Amino acid sequence: MTDPYEPPAPAEGPARCLTVLTTTDDEAKAQELARGAIEARVAACAQVGAPVTSVYRWAGAVETSREVQVLFKTTEARYDALEAHIRAAHDYDTPEIIATPVVRGSADYLDWIAKETR
């Protein structure tokens, strides 16, 4: 019997897709990160979101700052290249880079992600 609390297995297919989140302190920088990733074909799409307020501990102090989120769509196979791109182009010492697997989605859209990142 299958455990009802176990998450479903990732979709089978030619490419497993991910969403990858990062933040930066300026919309122009966010746009540059997004455009550079698309031009390098390490992501098929990048969405630059509205500003968010981030609260975090850094160097022993609690900080609050305004940041802009960038959400990339890529494949598992291109993740390392996307992470390298973000690290090289980002001006933070420790940029947020968090990948989340896409468990389900439109087959046409997921195929498009795979094609655009080859």
PDB file of N, CA and C in Angstrom:
ATOM      1  N   MET A   1       0.837  -1.185   0.000  1.00  0.00           N
ATOM      2  CA  MET A   1       0.000   0.000   0.000  1.00  0.00           C
ATOM      3  C   MET A   1       0.882   1.249   0.000  1.00  0.00           C
ATOM      4  N   THR A   2       0.488   2.234  -0.758  1.00  0.00           N
ATOM      5  CA  THR A   2       1.242   3.482  -0.867  1.00  0.00           C
ATOM      6  C   THR A   2       0.906   4.401   0.299  1.00  0.00           C
ATOM      7  N   ASP A   3       1.923   5.062   0.839  1.00  0.00           N
ATOM      8  CA  ASP A   3       1.734   6.012   1.930  1.00  0.00           C
ATOM      9  C   ASP A   3       1.032   7.258   1.397  1.00  0.00           C
ATOM     10  N   PRO A   4      -0.174   7.619   1.904  1.00  0.00           N
ATOM     11  CA  PRO A   4      -0.899   8.779   1.368  1.00  0.00           C
ATOM     12  C   PRO A   4      -0.201  10.107   1.645  1.00  0.00           C
ATOM     13  N   TYR A   5       0.773  10.108   2.563  1.00  0.00           N
ATOM     14  CA  TYR A   5       1.471  11.354   2.882  1.00  0.00           C
ATOM     15  C   TYR A   5       2.777  11.506   2.111  1.00  0.00           C
ATOM     16  N   GLU A   6       3.123  10.481   1.348  1.00  0.00           N
ATOM     17  CA  GLU A   6       4.336  10.550   0.551  1.00  0.00           C
ATOM     18  C   GLU A   6       4.067  11.394  -0.684  1.00  0.00           C
ATOM     19  N   PRO A   7       4.943  12.362  -0.979  1.00  0.00           N
ATOM     20  CA  PRO A   7       4.714  13.184  -2.170  1.00  0.00           C
ATOM     21  C   PRO A   7       4.786  12.319  -3.424  1.00  0.00           C
ATOM     22  N   PRO A   8       4.085  12.732  -4.483  1.00  0.00           N
ATOM     23  CA  PRO A   8       4.130  11.956  -5.709  1.00  0.00           C
ATOM     24  C   PRO A   8       5.530  11.972  -6.316  1.00  0.00           C
ATOM     25  N   ALA A   9       5.849  10.931  -7.037  1.00  0.00           N
ATOM     26  CA  ALA A   9       7.140  10.866  -7.729  1.00  0.00           C
ATOM     27  C   ALA A   9       7.191  11.953  -8.789  1.00  0.00           C
ATOM     28  N   PRO A  10       8.363  12.501  -9.066  1.00  0.00           N
ATOM     29  CA  PRO A  10       8.464  13.518 -10.120  1.00  0.00           C
ATOM     30  C   PRO A  10       7.969  12.964 -11.447  1.00  0.00           C
ATOM     31  N   ALA A  11       7.437  13.855 -12.257  1.00  0.00           N
ATOM     32  CA  ALA A  11       6.929  13.466 -13.567  1.00  0.00           C
ATOM     33  C   ALA A  11       8.055  12.840 -14.384  1.00  0.00           C
ATOM     34  N   GLU A  12       7.733  11.746 -15.036  1.00  0.00           N
ATOM     35  CA  GLU A  12       8.707  11.112 -15.917  1.00  0.00           C
ATOM     36  C   GLU A  12       8.698  11.852 -17.244  1.00  0.00           C
ATOM     37  N   GLY A  13       9.785  11.861 -17.903  1.00  0.00           N
ATOM     38  CA  GLY A  13       9.856  12.542 -19.182  1.00  0.00           C
ATOM     39  C   GLY A  13      11.291  12.888 -19.488  1.00  0.00           C
ATOM     40  N   PRO A  14      11.508  13.567 -20.569  1.00  0.00           N
ATOM     41  CA  PRO A  14      12.875  13.857 -21.000  1.00  0.00           C
ATOM     42  C   PRO A  14      13.605  14.831 -20.082  1.00  0.00           C
ATOM     43  N   ALA A  15      12.892  15.702 -19.399  1.00  0.00           N
ATOM     44  CA  ALA A  15      13.566  16.687 -18.551  1.00  0.00           C
ATOM     45  C   ALA A  15      12.734  16.940 -17.308  1.00  0.00           C
ATOM     46  N   ARG A  16      13.392  16.990 -16.174  1.00  0.00           N
ATOM     47  CA  ARG A  16      12.716  17.378 -14.936  1.00  0.00           C
ATOM     48  C   ARG A  16      12.957  18.866 -14.749  1.00  0.00           C
ATOM     49  N   CYS A  17      11.882  19.575 -14.485  1.00  0.00           N
ATOM     50  CA  CYS A  17      11.962  21.032 -14.401  1.00  0.00           C
ATOM     51  C   CYS A  17      12.052  21.508 -12.965  1.00  0.00           C
ATOM     52  N   LEU A  18      12.632  22.691 -12.801  1.00  0.00           N
ATOM     53  CA  LEU A  18      12.798  23.341 -11.506  1.00  0.00           C
ATOM     54  C   LEU A  18      12.373  24.791 -11.609  1.00  0.00           C
ATOM     55  N   THR A  19      11.938  25.348 -10.492  1.00  0.00           N
ATOM     56  CA  THR A  19      11.880  26.794 -10.356  1.00  0.00           C
ATOM     57  C   THR A  19      13.021  27.157  -9.411  1.00  0.00           C
ATOM     58  N   VAL A  20      13.717  28.238  -9.717  1.00  0.00           N
ATOM     59  CA  VAL A  20      14.875  28.649  -8.931  1.00  0.00           C
ATOM     60  C   VAL A  20      14.672  30.112  -8.544  1.00  0.00           C
ATOM     61  N   LEU A  21      14.755  30.380  -7.254  1.00  0.00           N
ATOM     62  CA  LEU A  21      14.496  31.714  -6.712  1.00  0.00           C
ATOM     63  C   LEU A  21      15.789  32.380  -6.264  1.00  0.00           C
ATOM     64  N   THR A  22      15.911  33.660  -6.589  1.00  0.00           N
ATOM     65  CA  THR A  22      16.961  34.485  -6.020  1.00  0.00           C
ATOM     66  C   THR A  22      16.370  35.864  -5.742  1.00  0.00           C
ATOM     67  N   THR A  23      17.115  36.660  -5.016  1.00  0.00           N
ATOM     68  CA  THR A  23      16.703  38.040  -4.737  1.00  0.00           C
ATOM     69  C   THR A  23      17.899  38.954  -4.934  1.00  0.00           C
ATOM     70  N   THR A  24      17.594  40.219  -5.169  1.00  0.00           N
ATOM     71  CA  THR A  24      18.633  41.240  -5.245  1.00  0.00           C
ATOM     72  C   THR A  24      18.044  42.539  -4.715  1.00  0.00           C
ATOM     73  N   ASP A  25      18.876  43.544  -4.547  1.00  0.00           N
ATOM     74  CA  ASP A  25      18.412  44.772  -3.895  1.00  0.00           C
ATOM     75  C   ASP A  25      17.941  45.859  -4.859  1.00  0.00           C
ATOM     76  N   ASP A  26      17.838  45.531  -6.150  1.00  0.00           N
ATOM     77  CA  ASP A  26      17.514  46.567  -7.114  1.00  0.00           C
ATOM     78  C   ASP A  26      16.817  45.942  -8.326  1.00  0.00           C
ATOM     79  N   GLU A  27      15.774  46.588  -8.840  1.00  0.00           N
ATOM     80  CA  GLU A  27      15.037  46.030  -9.969  1.00  0.00           C
ATOM     81  C   GLU A  27      15.907  45.930 -11.230  1.00  0.00           C
ATOM     82  N   ALA A  28      16.765  46.905 -11.463  1.00  0.00           N
ATOM     83  CA  ALA A  28      17.634  46.843 -12.643  1.00  0.00           C
ATOM     84  C   ALA A  28      18.568  45.641 -12.563  1.00  0.00           C
ATOM     85  N   LYS A  29      19.103  45.361 -11.373  1.00  0.00           N
ATOM     86  CA  LYS A  29      19.956  44.181 -11.200  1.00  0.00           C
ATOM     87  C   LYS A  29      19.154  42.908 -11.431  1.00  0.00           C
ATOM     88  N   ALA A  30      17.926  42.889 -10.946  1.00  0.00           N
ATOM     89  CA  ALA A  30      17.060  41.721 -11.154  1.00  0.00           C
ATOM     90  C   ALA A  30      16.814  41.493 -12.638  1.00  0.00           C
ATOM     91  N   GLN A  31      16.553  42.574 -13.368  1.00  0.00           N
ATOM     92  CA  GLN A  31      16.338  42.476 -14.813  1.00  0.00           C
ATOM     93  C   GLN A  31      17.593  41.936 -15.506  1.00  0.00           C
ATOM     94  N   GLU A  32      18.767  42.397 -15.079  1.00  0.00           N
ATOM     95  CA  GLU A  32      20.025  41.928 -15.670  1.00  0.00           C
ATOM     96  C   GLU A  32      20.243  40.446 -15.402  1.00  0.00           C
ATOM     97  N   LEU A  33      19.967  39.995 -14.170  1.00  0.00           N
ATOM     98  CA  LEU A  33      20.084  38.575 -13.845  1.00  0.00           C
ATOM     99  C   LEU A  33      19.152  37.743 -14.723  1.00  0.00           C
ATOM    100  N   ALA A  34      17.918  38.222 -14.864  1.00  0.00           N
ATOM    101  CA  ALA A  34      16.915  37.510 -15.657  1.00  0.00           C
ATOM    102  C   ALA A  34      17.339  37.437 -17.121  1.00  0.00           C
ATOM    103  N   ARG A  35      17.651  38.576 -17.701  1.00  0.00           N
ATOM    104  CA  ARG A  35      18.015  38.620 -19.128  1.00  0.00           C
ATOM    105  C   ARG A  35      19.267  37.795 -19.403  1.00  0.00           C
ATOM    106  N   GLY A  36      20.262  37.899 -18.551  1.00  0.00           N
ATOM    107  CA  GLY A  36      21.492  37.142 -18.743  1.00  0.00           C
ATOM    108  C   GLY A  36      21.264  35.640 -18.720  1.00  0.00           C
ATOM    109  N   ALA A  37      20.400  35.179 -17.833  1.00  0.00           N
ATOM    110  CA  ALA A  37      20.104  33.742 -17.751  1.00  0.00           C
ATOM    111  C   ALA A  37      19.390  33.252 -19.001  1.00  0.00           C
ATOM    112  N   ILE A  38      18.488  34.062 -19.529  1.00  0.00           N
ATOM    113  CA  ILE A  38      17.762  33.675 -20.749  1.00  0.00           C
ATOM    114  C   ILE A  38      18.728  33.685 -21.939  1.00  0.00           C
ATOM    115  N   GLU A  39      19.543  34.715 -22.037  1.00  0.00           N
ATOM    116  CA  GLU A  39      20.508  34.790 -23.140  1.00  0.00           C
ATOM    117  C   GLU A  39      21.488  33.625 -23.105  1.00  0.00           C
ATOM    118  N   ALA A  40      21.879  33.186 -21.910  1.00  0.00           N
ATOM    119  CA  ALA A  40      22.805  32.063 -21.765  1.00  0.00           C
ATOM    120  C   ALA A  40      22.110  30.709 -21.889  1.00  0.00           C
ATOM    121  N   ARG A  41      20.797  30.715 -22.012  1.00  0.00           N
ATOM    122  CA  ARG A  41      19.977  29.501 -22.141  1.00  0.00           C
ATOM    123  C   ARG A  41      20.085  28.586 -20.924  1.00  0.00           C
ATOM    124  N   VAL A  42      20.345  29.185 -19.756  1.00  0.00           N
ATOM    125  CA  VAL A  42      20.352  28.400 -18.521  1.00  0.00           C
ATOM    126  C   VAL A  42      18.986  28.432 -17.846  1.00  0.00           C
ATOM    127  N   ALA A  43      18.094  29.250 -18.374  1.00  0.00           N
ATOM    128  CA  ALA A  43      16.697  29.299 -17.945  1.00  0.00           C
ATOM    129  C   ALA A  43      15.850  29.627 -19.165  1.00  0.00           C
ATOM    130  N   ALA A  44      14.631  29.115 -19.162  1.00  0.00           N
ATOM    131  CA  ALA A  44      13.715  29.384 -20.277  1.00  0.00           C
ATOM    132  C   ALA A  44      12.925  30.653 -20.045  1.00  0.00           C
ATOM    133  N   CYS A  45      12.710  30.980 -18.787  1.00  0.00           N
ATOM    134  CA  CYS A  45      11.876  32.113 -18.410  1.00  0.00           C
ATOM    135  C   CYS A  45      12.351  32.611 -17.065  1.00  0.00           C
ATOM    136  N   ALA A  46      12.230  33.894 -16.841  1.00  0.00           N
ATOM    137  CA  ALA A  46      12.529  34.476 -15.536  1.00  0.00           C
ATOM    138  C   ALA A  46      11.501  35.556 -15.263  1.00  0.00           C
ATOM    139  N   GLN A  47      10.917  35.498 -14.109  1.00  0.00           N
ATOM    140  CA  GLN A  47       9.935  36.502 -13.721  1.00  0.00           C
ATOM    141  C   GLN A  47      10.526  37.380 -12.627  1.00  0.00           C
ATOM    142  N   VAL A  48      10.504  38.676 -12.872  1.00  0.00           N
ATOM    143  CA  VAL A  48      10.967  39.647 -11.893  1.00  0.00           C
ATOM    144  C   VAL A  48       9.734  40.113 -11.143  1.00  0.00           C
ATOM    145  N   GLY A  49       9.716  39.852  -9.849  1.00  0.00           N
ATOM    146  CA  GLY A  49       8.540  40.152  -9.042  1.00  0.00           C
ATOM    147  C   GLY A  49       8.591  41.523  -8.410  1.00  0.00           C
ATOM    148  N   ALA A  50       7.487  41.837  -7.765  1.00  0.00           N
ATOM    149  CA  ALA A  50       7.374  43.097  -7.025  1.00  0.00           C
ATOM    150  C   ALA A  50       8.321  43.056  -5.822  1.00  0.00           C
ATOM    151  N   PRO A  51       8.687  44.202  -5.325  1.00  0.00           N
ATOM    152  CA  PRO A  51       9.572  44.224  -4.154  1.00  0.00           C
ATOM    153  C   PRO A  51       8.950  43.495  -2.964  1.00  0.00           C
ATOM    154  N   VAL A  52       9.818  42.855  -2.195  1.00  0.00           N
ATOM    155  CA  VAL A  52       9.422  42.191  -0.956  1.00  0.00           C
ATOM    156  C   VAL A  52      10.283  42.752   0.164  1.00  0.00           C
ATOM    157  N   THR A  53       9.836  42.580   1.377  1.00  0.00           N
ATOM    158  CA  THR A  53      10.630  42.956   2.539  1.00  0.00           C
ATOM    159  C   THR A  53      11.231  41.687   3.118  1.00  0.00           C
ATOM    160  N   SER A  54      12.543  41.630   3.186  1.00  0.00           N
ATOM    161  CA  SER A  54      13.246  40.474   3.729  1.00  0.00           C
ATOM    162  C   SER A  54      13.757  40.811   5.120  1.00  0.00           C
ATOM    163  N   VAL A  55      13.559  39.890   6.042  1.00  0.00           N
ATOM    164  CA  VAL A  55      14.060  40.019   7.416  1.00  0.00           C
ATOM    165  C   VAL A  55      14.962  38.810   7.646  1.00  0.00           C
ATOM    166  N   TYR A  56      16.202  39.052   8.059  1.00  0.00           N
ATOM    167  CA  TYR A  56      17.172  37.971   8.161  1.00  0.00           C
ATOM    168  C   TYR A  56      18.272  38.355   9.147  1.00  0.00           C
ATOM    169  N   ARG A  57      19.032  37.360   9.588  1.00  0.00           N
ATOM    170  CA  ARG A  57      20.174  37.614  10.455  1.00  0.00           C
ATOM    171  C   ARG A  57      21.425  37.596   9.587  1.00  0.00           C
ATOM    172  N   TRP A  58      22.234  38.626   9.687  1.00  0.00           N
ATOM    173  CA  TRP A  58      23.480  38.705   8.929  1.00  0.00           C
ATOM    174  C   TRP A  58      24.540  39.334   9.817  1.00  0.00           C
ATOM    175  N   ALA A  59      25.676  38.683   9.920  1.00  0.00           N
ATOM    176  CA  ALA A  59      26.806  39.173  10.730  1.00  0.00           C
ATOM    177  C   ALA A  59      26.369  39.473  12.159  1.00  0.00           C
ATOM    178  N   GLY A  60      25.510  38.607  12.709  1.00  0.00           N
ATOM    179  CA  GLY A  60      25.104  38.723  14.097  1.00  0.00           C
ATOM    180  C   GLY A  60      23.987  39.715  14.389  1.00  0.00           C
ATOM    181  N   ALA A  61      23.464  40.375  13.379  1.00  0.00           N
ATOM    182  CA  ALA A  61      22.405  41.363  13.593  1.00  0.00           C
ATOM    183  C   ALA A  61      21.187  41.012  12.734  1.00  0.00           C
ATOM    184  N   VAL A  62      20.018  41.365  13.236  1.00  0.00           N
ATOM    185  CA  VAL A  62      18.798  41.182  12.462  1.00  0.00           C
ATOM    186  C   VAL A  62      18.658  42.376  11.530  1.00  0.00           C
ATOM    187  N   GLU A  63      18.541  42.093  10.252  1.00  0.00           N
ATOM    188  CA  GLU A  63      18.458  43.116   9.219  1.00  0.00           C
ATOM    189  C   GLU A  63      17.099  43.070   8.536  1.00  0.00           C
ATOM    190  N   THR A  64      16.681  44.196   8.004  1.00  0.00           N
ATOM    191  CA  THR A  64      15.474  44.283   7.182  1.00  0.00           C
ATOM    192  C   THR A  64      15.847  45.056   5.928  1.00  0.00           C
ATOM    193  N   SER A  65      15.474  44.495   4.771  1.00  0.00           N
ATOM    194  CA  SER A  65      15.790  45.196   3.534  1.00  0.00           C
ATOM    195  C   SER A  65      14.721  44.947   2.484  1.00  0.00           C
ATOM    196  N   ARG A  66      14.676  45.861   1.529  1.00  0.00           N
ATOM    197  CA  ARG A  66      13.772  45.730   0.377  1.00  0.00           C
ATOM    198  C   ARG A  66      14.531  44.972  -0.694  1.00  0.00           C
ATOM    199  N   GLU A  67      13.910  43.904  -1.226  1.00  0.00           N
ATOM    200  CA  GLU A  67      14.553  43.122  -2.272  1.00  0.00           C
ATOM    201  C   GLU A  67      13.556  42.828  -3.384  1.00  0.00           C
ATOM    202  N   VAL A  68      14.098  42.490  -4.532  1.00  0.00           N
ATOM    203  CA  VAL A  68      13.294  42.115  -5.696  1.00  0.00           C
ATOM    204  C   VAL A  68      13.574  40.646  -5.971  1.00  0.00           C
ATOM    205  N   GLN A  69      12.514  39.843  -6.100  1.00  0.00           N
ATOM    206  CA  GLN A  69      12.675  38.420  -6.371  1.00  0.00           C
ATOM    207  C   GLN A  69      12.746  38.153  -7.871  1.00  0.00           C
ATOM    208  N   VAL A  70      13.547  37.151  -8.223  1.00  0.00           N
ATOM    209  CA  VAL A  70      13.603  36.657  -9.599  1.00  0.00           C
ATOM    210  C   VAL A  70      13.344  35.154  -9.520  1.00  0.00           C
ATOM    211  N   LEU A  71      12.349  34.701 -10.272  1.00  0.00           N
ATOM    212  CA  LEU A  71      11.996  33.289 -10.304  1.00  0.00           C
ATOM    213  C   LEU A  71      12.305  32.746 -11.696  1.00  0.00           C
ATOM    214  N   PHE A  72      13.256  31.833 -11.762  1.00  0.00           N
ATOM    215  CA  PHE A  72      13.692  31.232 -13.027  1.00  0.00           C
ATOM    216  C   PHE A  72      12.997  29.894 -13.231  1.00  0.00           C
ATOM    217  N   LYS A  73      12.743  29.530 -14.497  1.00  0.00           N
ATOM    218  CA  LYS A  73      12.268  28.203 -14.858  1.00  0.00           C
ATOM    219  C   LYS A  73      13.372  27.545 -15.661  1.00  0.00           C
ATOM    220  N   THR A  74      13.816  26.368 -15.203  1.00  0.00           N
ATOM    221  CA  THR A  74      14.908  25.668 -15.864  1.00  0.00           C
ATOM    222  C   THR A  74      14.720  24.171 -15.712  1.00  0.00           C
ATOM    223  N   THR A  75      15.706  23.413 -16.157  1.00  0.00           N
ATOM    224  CA  THR A  75      15.673  21.965 -15.988  1.00  0.00           C
ATOM    225  C   THR A  75      16.730  21.561 -14.972  1.00  0.00           C
ATOM    226  N   GLU A  76      16.548  20.370 -14.420  1.00  0.00           N
ATOM    227  CA  GLU A  76      17.521  19.830 -13.481  1.00  0.00           C
ATOM    228  C   GLU A  76      18.914  19.769 -14.132  1.00  0.00           C
ATOM    229  N   ALA A  77      18.947  19.413 -15.405  1.00  0.00           N
ATOM    230  CA  ALA A  77      20.220  19.300 -16.119  1.00  0.00           C
ATOM    231  C   ALA A  77      20.937  20.646 -16.252  1.00  0.00           C
ATOM    232  N   ARG A  78      20.207  21.755 -16.248  1.00  0.00           N
ATOM    233  CA  ARG A  78      20.812  23.081 -16.416  1.00  0.00           C
ATOM    234  C   ARG A  78      20.984  23.828 -15.095  1.00  0.00           C
ATOM    235  N   TYR A  79      20.590  23.184 -13.975  1.00  0.00           N
ATOM    236  CA  TYR A  79      20.661  23.876 -12.691  1.00  0.00           C
ATOM    237  C   TYR A  79      22.079  24.369 -12.369  1.00  0.00           C
ATOM    238  N   ASP A  80      23.070  23.497 -12.489  1.00  0.00           N
ATOM    239  CA  ASP A  80      24.438  23.901 -12.125  1.00  0.00           C
ATOM    240  C   ASP A  80      24.895  25.118 -12.922  1.00  0.00           C
ATOM    241  N   ALA A  81      24.567  25.136 -14.208  1.00  0.00           N
ATOM    242  CA  ALA A  81      24.938  26.282 -15.052  1.00  0.00           C
ATOM    243  C   ALA A  81      24.186  27.537 -14.625  1.00  0.00           C
ATOM    244  N   LEU A  82      22.906  27.396 -14.252  1.00  0.00           N
ATOM    245  CA  LEU A  82      22.139  28.554 -13.780  1.00  0.00           C
ATOM    246  C   LEU A  82      22.713  29.068 -12.469  1.00  0.00           C
ATOM    247  N   GLU A  83      23.015  28.167 -11.545  1.00  0.00           N
ATOM    248  CA  GLU A  83      23.600  28.599 -10.274  1.00  0.00           C
ATOM    249  C   GLU A  83      24.922  29.326 -10.510  1.00  0.00           C
ATOM    250  N   ALA A  84      25.750  28.792 -11.391  1.00  0.00           N
ATOM    251  CA  ALA A  84      27.031  29.441 -11.696  1.00  0.00           C
ATOM    252  C   ALA A  84      26.801  30.835 -12.287  1.00  0.00           C
ATOM    253  N   HIS A  85      25.805  30.956 -13.161  1.00  0.00           N
ATOM    254  CA  HIS A  85      25.477  32.255 -13.755  1.00  0.00           C
ATOM    255  C   HIS A  85      25.051  33.245 -12.670  1.00  0.00           C
ATOM    256  N   ILE A  86      24.156  32.808 -11.785  1.00  0.00           N
ATOM    257  CA  ILE A  86      23.677  33.701 -10.714  1.00  0.00           C
ATOM    258  C   ILE A  86      24.846  34.138  -9.844  1.00  0.00           C
ATOM    259  N   ARG A  87      25.675  33.198  -9.433  1.00  0.00           N
ATOM    260  CA  ARG A  87      26.817  33.533  -8.562  1.00  0.00           C
ATOM    261  C   ARG A  87      27.772  34.515  -9.249  1.00  0.00           C
ATOM    262  N   ALA A  88      28.042  34.301 -10.529  1.00  0.00           N
ATOM    263  CA  ALA A  88      28.976  35.170 -11.254  1.00  0.00           C
ATOM    264  C   ALA A  88      28.405  36.574 -11.465  1.00  0.00           C
ATOM    265  N   ALA A  89      27.103  36.670 -11.686  1.00  0.00           N
ATOM    266  CA  ALA A  89      26.487  37.959 -12.009  1.00  0.00           C
ATOM    267  C   ALA A  89      25.978  38.706 -10.775  1.00  0.00           C
ATOM    268  N   HIS A  90      25.876  38.035  -9.648  1.00  0.00           N
ATOM    269  CA  HIS A  90      25.267  38.618  -8.442  1.00  0.00           C
ATOM    270  C   HIS A  90      26.305  39.375  -7.632  1.00  0.00           C
ATOM    271  N   ASP A  91      25.873  40.445  -6.976  1.00  0.00           N
ATOM    272  CA  ASP A  91      26.820  41.210  -6.171  1.00  0.00           C
ATOM    273  C   ASP A  91      26.728  40.911  -4.668  1.00  0.00           C
ATOM    274  N   TYR A  92      25.836  40.003  -4.250  1.00  0.00           N
ATOM    275  CA  TYR A  92      25.780  39.609  -2.837  1.00  0.00           C
ATOM    276  C   TYR A  92      26.907  38.612  -2.556  1.00  0.00           C
ATOM    277  N   ASP A  93      27.442  38.642  -1.327  1.00  0.00           N
ATOM    278  CA  ASP A  93      28.433  37.649  -0.908  1.00  0.00           C
ATOM    279  C   ASP A  93      27.821  36.249  -0.900  1.00  0.00           C
ATOM    280  N   THR A  94      26.591  36.164  -0.398  1.00  0.00           N
ATOM    281  CA  THR A  94      25.884  34.886  -0.301  1.00  0.00           C
ATOM    282  C   THR A  94      24.487  35.064  -0.879  1.00  0.00           C
ATOM    283  N   PRO A  95      24.337  35.000  -2.202  1.00  0.00           N
ATOM    284  CA  PRO A  95      23.003  35.193  -2.779  1.00  0.00           C
ATOM    285  C   PRO A  95      22.066  34.036  -2.447  1.00  0.00           C
ATOM    286  N   GLU A  96      20.819  34.358  -2.274  1.00  0.00           N
ATOM    287  CA  GLU A  96      19.799  33.322  -2.112  1.00  0.00           C
ATOM    288  C   GLU A  96      19.653  32.604  -3.450  1.00  0.00           C
ATOM    289  N   ILE A  97      19.812  31.296  -3.426  1.00  0.00           N
ATOM    290  CA  ILE A  97      19.589  30.465  -4.616  1.00  0.00           C
ATOM    291  C   ILE A  97      18.893  29.210  -4.106  1.00  0.00           C
ATOM    292  N   ILE A  98      17.603  29.118  -4.358  1.00  0.00           N
ATOM    293  CA  ILE A  98      16.799  27.999  -3.868  1.00  0.00           C
ATOM    294  C   ILE A  98      16.063  27.378  -5.042  1.00  0.00           C
ATOM    295  N   ALA A  99      16.254  26.075  -5.229  1.00  0.00           N
ATOM    296  CA  ALA A  99      15.586  25.355  -6.313  1.00  0.00           C
ATOM    297  C   ALA A  99      14.469  24.485  -5.750  1.00  0.00           C
ATOM    298  N   THR A 100      13.347  24.504  -6.441  1.00  0.00           N
ATOM    299  CA  THR A 100      12.196  23.688  -6.069  1.00  0.00           C
ATOM    300  C   THR A 100      11.789  22.863  -7.276  1.00  0.00           C
ATOM    301  N   PRO A 101      11.624  21.552  -7.095  1.00  0.00           N
ATOM    302  CA  PRO A 101      11.211  20.737  -8.241  1.00  0.00           C
ATOM    303  C   PRO A 101       9.772  21.035  -8.648  1.00  0.00           C
ATOM    304  N   VAL A 102       9.535  20.993  -9.939  1.00  0.00           N
ATOM    305  CA  VAL A 102       8.172  21.113 -10.461  1.00  0.00           C
ATOM    306  C   VAL A 102       7.609  19.691 -10.451  1.00  0.00           C
ATOM    307  N   VAL A 103       6.631  19.462  -9.620  1.00  0.00           N
ATOM    308  CA  VAL A 103       6.066  18.128  -9.459  1.00  0.00           C
ATOM    309  C   VAL A 103       5.083  17.812 -10.583  1.00  0.00           C
ATOM    310  N   ARG A 104       4.321  18.810 -10.983  1.00  0.00           N
ATOM    311  CA  ARG A 104       3.360  18.632 -12.074  1.00  0.00           C
ATOM    312  C   ARG A 104       3.274  19.934 -12.839  1.00  0.00           C
ATOM    313  N   GLY A 105       2.845  19.831 -14.094  1.00  0.00           N
ATOM    314  CA  GLY A 105       2.665  21.026 -14.904  1.00  0.00           C
ATOM    315  C   GLY A 105       2.191  20.646 -16.290  1.00  0.00           C
ATOM    316  N   SER A 106       1.836  21.627 -17.038  1.00  0.00           N
ATOM    317  CA  SER A 106       1.405  21.423 -18.419  1.00  0.00           C
ATOM    318  C   SER A 106       2.555  20.801 -19.208  1.00  0.00           C
ATOM    319  N   ALA A 107       2.289  19.678 -19.851  1.00  0.00           N
ATOM    320  CA  ALA A 107       3.330  18.995 -20.620  1.00  0.00           C
ATOM    321  C   ALA A 107       3.920  19.911 -21.689  1.00  0.00           C
ATOM    322  N   ASP A 108       3.083  20.678 -22.354  1.00  0.00           N
ATOM    323  CA  ASP A 108       3.574  21.594 -23.392  1.00  0.00           C
ATOM    324  C   ASP A 108       4.530  22.629 -22.809  1.00  0.00           C
ATOM    325  N   TYR A 109       4.184  23.185 -21.641  1.00  0.00           N
ATOM    326  CA  TYR A 109       5.031  24.201 -21.017  1.00  0.00           C
ATOM    327  C   TYR A 109       6.349  23.593 -20.550  1.00  0.00           C
ATOM    328  N   LEU A 110       6.291  22.433 -19.922  1.00  0.00           N
ATOM    329  CA  LEU A 110       7.503  21.786 -19.443  1.00  0.00           C
ATOM    330  C   LEU A 110       8.408  21.389 -20.606  1.00  0.00           C
ATOM    331  N   ASP A 111       7.819  20.950 -21.711  1.00  0.00           N
ATOM    332  CA  ASP A 111       8.603  20.659 -22.920  1.00  0.00           C
ATOM    333  C   ASP A 111       9.270  21.926 -23.443  1.00  0.00           C
ATOM    334  N   TRP A 112       8.539  23.042 -23.396  1.00  0.00           N
ATOM    335  CA  TRP A 112       9.094  24.321 -23.852  1.00  0.00           C
ATOM    336  C   TRP A 112      10.307  24.715 -23.007  1.00  0.00           C
ATOM    337  N   ILE A 113      10.217  24.519 -21.691  1.00  0.00           N
ATOM    338  CA  ILE A 113      11.351  24.818 -20.806  1.00  0.00           C
ATOM    339  C   ILE A 113      12.565  23.995 -21.238  1.00  0.00           C
ATOM    340  N   ALA A 114      12.336  22.716 -21.479  1.00  0.00           N
ATOM    341  CA  ALA A 114      13.437  21.832 -21.878  1.00  0.00           C
ATOM    342  C   ALA A 114      14.055  22.289 -23.199  1.00  0.00           C
ATOM    343  N   LYS A 115      13.224  22.651 -24.163  1.00  0.00           N
ATOM    344  CA  LYS A 115      13.737  23.078 -25.468  1.00  0.00           C
ATOM    345  C   LYS A 115      14.521  24.383 -25.370  1.00  0.00           C
ATOM    346  N   GLU A 116      14.045  25.306 -24.566  1.00  0.00           N
ATOM    347  CA  GLU A 116      14.691  26.623 -24.474  1.00  0.00           C
ATOM    348  C   GLU A 116      15.996  26.601 -23.684  1.00  0.00           C
ATOM    349  N   THR A 117      16.242  25.524 -22.950  1.00  0.00           N
ATOM    350  CA  THR A 117      17.467  25.464 -22.135  1.00  0.00           C
ATOM    351  C   THR A 117      18.497  24.495 -22.709  1.00  0.00           C
ATOM    352  N   ARG A 118      18.272  24.022 -23.913  1.00  0.00           N
ATOM    353  CA  ARG A 118      19.264  23.118 -24.536  1.00  0.00           C
ATOM    354  C   ARG A 118      20.390  23.926 -25.140  1.00  0.00           C
TER     355      ARG A 118
END
